[in-house]
Amino acid sequence: MSSSDKVEKPQPSNIRNPIGGRDRLLKAALRLGEKHRSISNIGLRELAREAGMHHTAIYRHFQSIDDIALALVELLASELRAELQLAAKAFGGNTQDMIRASTQHYFNYVSEHPLGVIFCAREIHGSLPSLRRALQSMLDDFALDRAEDLSKLGQNDSLPNFETLLILTRLIAQHTLFAALDYLEEPKDRERIVEQTIIFVGWLIEGANSYSNPKITQTPKA
């Protein structure tokens, strides 16, 4: 394959190599979020100290912790979405290949962005309503992307209809978010967690494909 045919990997965001005040604040928020277990417990002065900035400099970039949290979701979501889209383009052409490629790319991202994944998993049921909504919207976007990717295989593979695929990919998005925590906490079990996730996704799709809605019958009256 020539260099011109290669799929370009998305460039990493500045959150990994911060060069400006905004990026320094985002990276500092992730570090403190891991310690505090919730970004809502972080004070702006504490955040400024962690980022090596004067506290008044925060307001050049953000007005509140809520603003910082939402900016983190936007950045992390765009990075992971790009990774999974890359996987969809690179898969071998059938459902199993897509499931394996997407799952492996996802856990590769988890390895490279542990603090971001921990932040998302913790805060999806956290105390900031705006952040919960943003994270749920992120999962919905991922689910929609995966349902569209799978639906393109319908001509070659026997797959459920799009509405059913979307239900499945929403379940998959939720499952894999929390599977990522196990992946990070149990390094020796990472290979097993990846394989179990691939199996789980395959079972969901296969089961939905063979499922037929039972007729609802009324219980006879005595």
Protein backbone atom coordinates (compact mmCIF):
# COMPACT_ATOMS: atom_id res chain seq x y z
CA MET A 1 0.00 0.00 0.00
CA SER A 2 1.42 3.37 -1.02
CA SER A 3 1.77 6.23 1.45
CA SER A 4 -1.04 8.03 -0.34
CA ASP A 5 -3.40 5.07 0.35
CA LYS A 6 -2.82 4.98 4.09
CA VAL A 7 -5.60 6.08 6.41
CA GLU A 8 -4.32 9.03 8.38
CA LYS A 9 -4.57 8.64 12.14
CA PRO A 10 -6.16 11.69 13.82
CA GLN A 11 -3.62 13.94 15.45
CA PRO A 12 -3.64 13.88 19.24
CA SER A 13 -5.22 16.84 20.93
CA ASN A 14 -3.32 19.40 22.96
CA ILE A 15 -4.74 17.90 26.14
CA ARG A 16 -1.88 15.40 26.05
CA ASN A 17 0.74 18.04 25.31
CA PRO A 18 -0.73 21.27 26.61
CA ILE A 19 0.71 24.43 25.11
CA GLY A 20 -1.78 27.03 26.28
CA GLY A 21 -3.66 28.09 29.37
CA ARG A 22 -6.91 26.47 28.28
CA ASP A 23 -5.28 23.09 27.70
CA ARG A 24 -3.32 23.32 30.95
CA LEU A 25 -6.58 23.87 32.82
CA LEU A 26 -8.28 20.92 31.14
CA LYS A 27 -5.43 18.57 31.92
CA ALA A 28 -5.27 19.83 35.50
CA ALA A 29 -9.02 19.26 35.87
CA LEU A 30 -8.60 15.63 34.82
CA ARG A 31 -5.82 15.07 37.35
CA LEU A 32 -7.80 16.65 40.17
CA GLY A 33 -10.96 14.85 39.11
CA GLU A 34 -9.21 11.54 39.65
CA LYS A 35 -8.27 12.59 43.20
CA HIS A 36 -11.61 14.13 44.15
CA ARG A 37 -13.81 11.53 42.41
CA SER A 38 -15.96 14.36 41.06
CA ILE A 39 -15.07 17.48 39.15
CA SER A 40 -17.85 19.34 41.01
CA ASN A 41 -15.70 19.22 44.17
CA ILE A 42 -12.84 21.13 42.57
CA GLY A 43 -12.38 24.80 43.46
CA LEU A 44 -11.17 27.27 40.86
CA ARG A 45 -8.24 28.36 43.01
CA GLU A 46 -7.20 24.73 43.49
CA LEU A 47 -7.48 24.18 39.75
CA ALA A 48 -5.34 27.23 39.05
CA ARG A 49 -2.62 25.97 41.41
CA GLU A 50 -2.63 22.56 39.76
CA ALA A 51 -2.31 24.19 36.34
CA GLY A 52 0.47 26.51 37.54
CA MET A 53 -1.59 29.65 36.88
CA HIS A 54 -2.93 32.60 38.85
CA HIS A 55 -6.58 32.01 39.70
CA THR A 56 -7.74 35.12 37.85
CA ALA A 57 -6.27 33.73 34.62
CA ILE A 58 -8.93 31.02 34.58
CA TYR A 59 -11.56 33.55 33.55
CA ARG A 60 -9.77 34.20 30.29
CA HIS A 61 -10.87 30.70 29.24
CA PHE A 62 -13.76 29.53 31.47
CA GLN A 63 -16.35 31.06 33.75
CA SER A 64 -17.06 28.06 35.97
CA ILE A 65 -16.27 24.43 36.71
CA ASP A 66 -19.33 23.54 34.62
CA ASP A 67 -17.74 25.22 31.59
CA ILE A 68 -14.53 23.27 32.12
CA ALA A 69 -16.40 19.98 32.50
CA LEU A 70 -18.35 20.52 29.28
CA ALA A 71 -15.17 21.45 27.41
CA LEU A 72 -13.61 18.18 28.57
CA VAL A 73 -16.56 16.18 27.27
CA GLU A 74 -16.39 17.92 23.91
CA LEU A 75 -12.67 17.26 23.54
CA LEU A 76 -12.70 13.65 24.73
CA ALA A 77 -15.76 12.82 22.64
CA SER A 78 -14.24 14.22 19.46
CA GLU A 79 -11.02 12.25 19.99
CA LEU A 80 -12.73 8.94 20.67
CA ARG A 81 -15.24 9.44 17.87
CA ALA A 82 -12.36 9.99 15.44
CA GLU A 83 -10.64 6.81 16.68
CA LEU A 84 -13.76 4.70 16.18
CA GLN A 85 -14.44 6.18 12.75
CA LEU A 86 -10.89 5.23 11.82
CA ALA A 87 -11.55 1.67 12.96
CA ALA A 88 -14.75 1.49 10.90
CA LYS A 89 -12.81 2.46 7.77
CA ALA A 90 -10.08 -0.10 8.44
CA PHE A 91 -12.16 -3.19 9.22
CA GLY A 92 -12.08 -6.27 6.97
CA GLY A 93 -15.61 -6.18 5.59
CA ASN A 94 -17.93 -8.18 7.85
CA THR A 95 -19.68 -7.69 11.16
CA GLN A 96 -17.20 -9.64 13.26
CA ASP A 97 -14.27 -7.76 11.76
CA MET A 98 -15.94 -4.43 12.52
CA ILE A 99 -16.77 -5.44 16.09
CA ARG A 100 -13.20 -6.56 16.73
CA ALA A 101 -11.59 -3.52 15.10
CA SER A 102 -13.85 -1.01 16.85
CA THR A 103 -13.46 -2.72 20.23
CA GLN A 104 -9.69 -2.88 19.96
CA HIS A 105 -9.45 0.78 18.91
CA TYR A 106 -11.69 1.74 21.81
CA PHE A 107 -9.52 0.01 24.41
CA ASN A 108 -6.38 1.40 22.79
CA TYR A 109 -7.89 4.84 23.34
CA VAL A 110 -8.66 3.90 26.95
CA SER A 111 -4.99 2.96 27.49
CA GLU A 112 -3.83 6.29 26.09
CA HIS A 113 -6.42 8.44 27.90
CA PRO A 114 -7.05 6.82 31.29
CA LEU A 115 -7.94 10.03 33.13
CA GLY A 116 -10.43 11.06 30.47
CA VAL A 117 -12.18 7.70 30.55
CA ILE A 118 -12.31 7.71 34.37
CA PHE A 119 -13.77 11.21 34.22
CA CYS A 120 -16.55 10.14 31.83
CA ALA A 121 -17.45 6.97 33.73
CA ARG A 122 -17.64 8.75 37.08
CA GLU A 123 -19.46 11.84 35.95
CA ILE A 124 -22.21 10.24 33.86
CA HIS A 125 -24.05 9.72 37.15
CA GLY A 126 -22.45 12.72 38.87
CA SER A 127 -23.91 15.81 40.51
CA LEU A 128 -23.73 18.26 37.58
CA PRO A 129 -26.92 17.98 35.47
CA SER A 130 -25.40 19.74 32.48
CA LEU A 131 -22.44 17.35 32.54
CA ARG A 132 -24.67 14.28 32.81
CA ARG A 133 -26.65 15.46 29.79
CA ALA A 134 -23.48 16.13 27.80
CA LEU A 135 -22.08 12.69 28.57
CA GLN A 136 -25.34 10.96 27.68
CA SER A 137 -25.39 12.91 24.42
CA MET A 138 -21.83 11.71 23.80
CA LEU A 139 -22.90 8.08 24.27
CA ASP A 140 -25.90 8.64 22.01
CA ASP A 141 -23.60 10.01 19.29
CA PHE A 142 -21.32 6.99 19.59
CA ALA A 143 -24.32 4.67 19.41
CA LEU A 144 -25.62 6.41 16.30
CA ASP A 145 -22.22 6.17 14.59
CA ARG A 146 -21.94 2.46 15.32
CA ALA A 147 -25.51 1.75 14.23
CA GLU A 148 -24.85 3.52 10.92
CA ASP A 149 -21.59 1.60 10.45
CA LEU A 150 -23.32 -1.72 11.08
CA SER A 151 -26.31 -0.90 8.90
CA LYS A 152 -23.95 -0.48 5.93
CA LEU A 153 -23.11 -4.17 6.29
CA GLY A 154 -26.73 -5.21 5.94
CA GLN A 155 -26.38 -6.19 2.30
CA ASN A 156 -23.66 -8.73 3.13
CA ASP A 157 -24.54 -9.77 6.68
CA SER A 158 -27.87 -10.67 8.20
CA LEU A 159 -28.44 -7.83 10.67
CA PRO A 160 -31.40 -6.36 12.54
CA ASN A 161 -33.11 -3.24 11.23
CA PHE A 162 -31.67 0.17 12.01
CA GLU A 163 -34.00 0.92 14.94
CA THR A 164 -32.96 -2.32 16.62
CA LEU A 165 -29.29 -1.68 15.89
CA LEU A 166 -29.57 1.70 17.58
CA ILE A 167 -31.01 0.10 20.73
CA LEU A 168 -28.14 -2.39 20.71
CA THR A 169 -25.41 0.18 20.16
CA ARG A 170 -26.75 2.30 23.02
CA LEU A 171 -26.43 -0.72 25.30
CA ILE A 172 -22.95 -1.36 23.93
CA ALA A 173 -21.87 2.25 24.53
CA GLN A 174 -22.96 2.06 28.16
CA HIS A 175 -21.37 -1.34 28.72
CA THR A 176 -18.02 -0.42 27.21
CA LEU A 177 -17.76 2.80 29.21
CA PHE A 178 -17.79 0.88 32.47
CA ALA A 179 -15.79 -2.04 31.07
CA ALA A 180 -13.06 0.54 30.55
CA LEU A 181 -12.78 1.03 34.31
CA ASP A 182 -12.16 -2.69 34.82
CA TYR A 183 -9.65 -2.55 31.97
CA LEU A 184 -7.72 0.23 33.71
CA GLU A 185 -7.92 -1.24 37.20
CA GLU A 186 -6.93 -4.80 36.22
CA PRO A 187 -3.97 -4.62 33.80
CA LYS A 188 -3.36 -8.38 33.96
CA ASP A 189 -6.92 -9.02 32.74
CA ARG A 190 -6.95 -6.60 29.83
CA GLU A 191 -6.84 -9.20 27.08
CA ARG A 192 -9.71 -11.09 28.69
CA ILE A 193 -11.80 -7.91 29.07
CA VAL A 194 -11.32 -7.03 25.40
CA GLU A 195 -12.31 -10.53 24.28
CA GLN A 196 -15.32 -10.62 26.59
CA THR A 197 -16.48 -7.28 25.22
CA ILE A 198 -16.19 -8.57 21.64
CA ILE A 199 -18.21 -11.65 22.60
CA PHE A 200 -20.81 -9.54 24.42
CA VAL A 201 -21.34 -7.30 21.40
CA GLY A 202 -21.58 -10.29 19.05
CA TRP A 203 -24.12 -12.01 21.29
CA LEU A 204 -26.27 -8.89 21.48
CA ILE A 205 -26.42 -8.54 17.70
CA GLU A 206 -26.91 -12.25 17.04
CA GLY A 207 -29.58 -12.51 19.71
CA ALA A 208 -31.49 -9.49 18.43
CA ASN A 209 -31.29 -10.80 14.90
CA SER A 210 -32.91 -14.11 15.83
CA TYR A 211 -35.44 -12.63 18.24
CA SER A 212 -39.08 -12.45 17.23
CA ASN A 213 -41.60 -10.45 19.22
CA PRO A 214 -43.91 -12.79 21.07
CA LYS A 215 -47.62 -12.23 20.77
CA ILE A 216 -49.10 -10.63 23.83
CA THR A 217 -51.93 -12.70 25.18
CA GLN A 218 -54.35 -11.84 27.94
CA THR A 219 -54.51 -14.01 31.02
CA PRO A 220 -57.85 -15.85 31.00
CA LYS A 221 -60.22 -14.61 33.64
CA ALA A 222 -61.18 -17.09 36.34
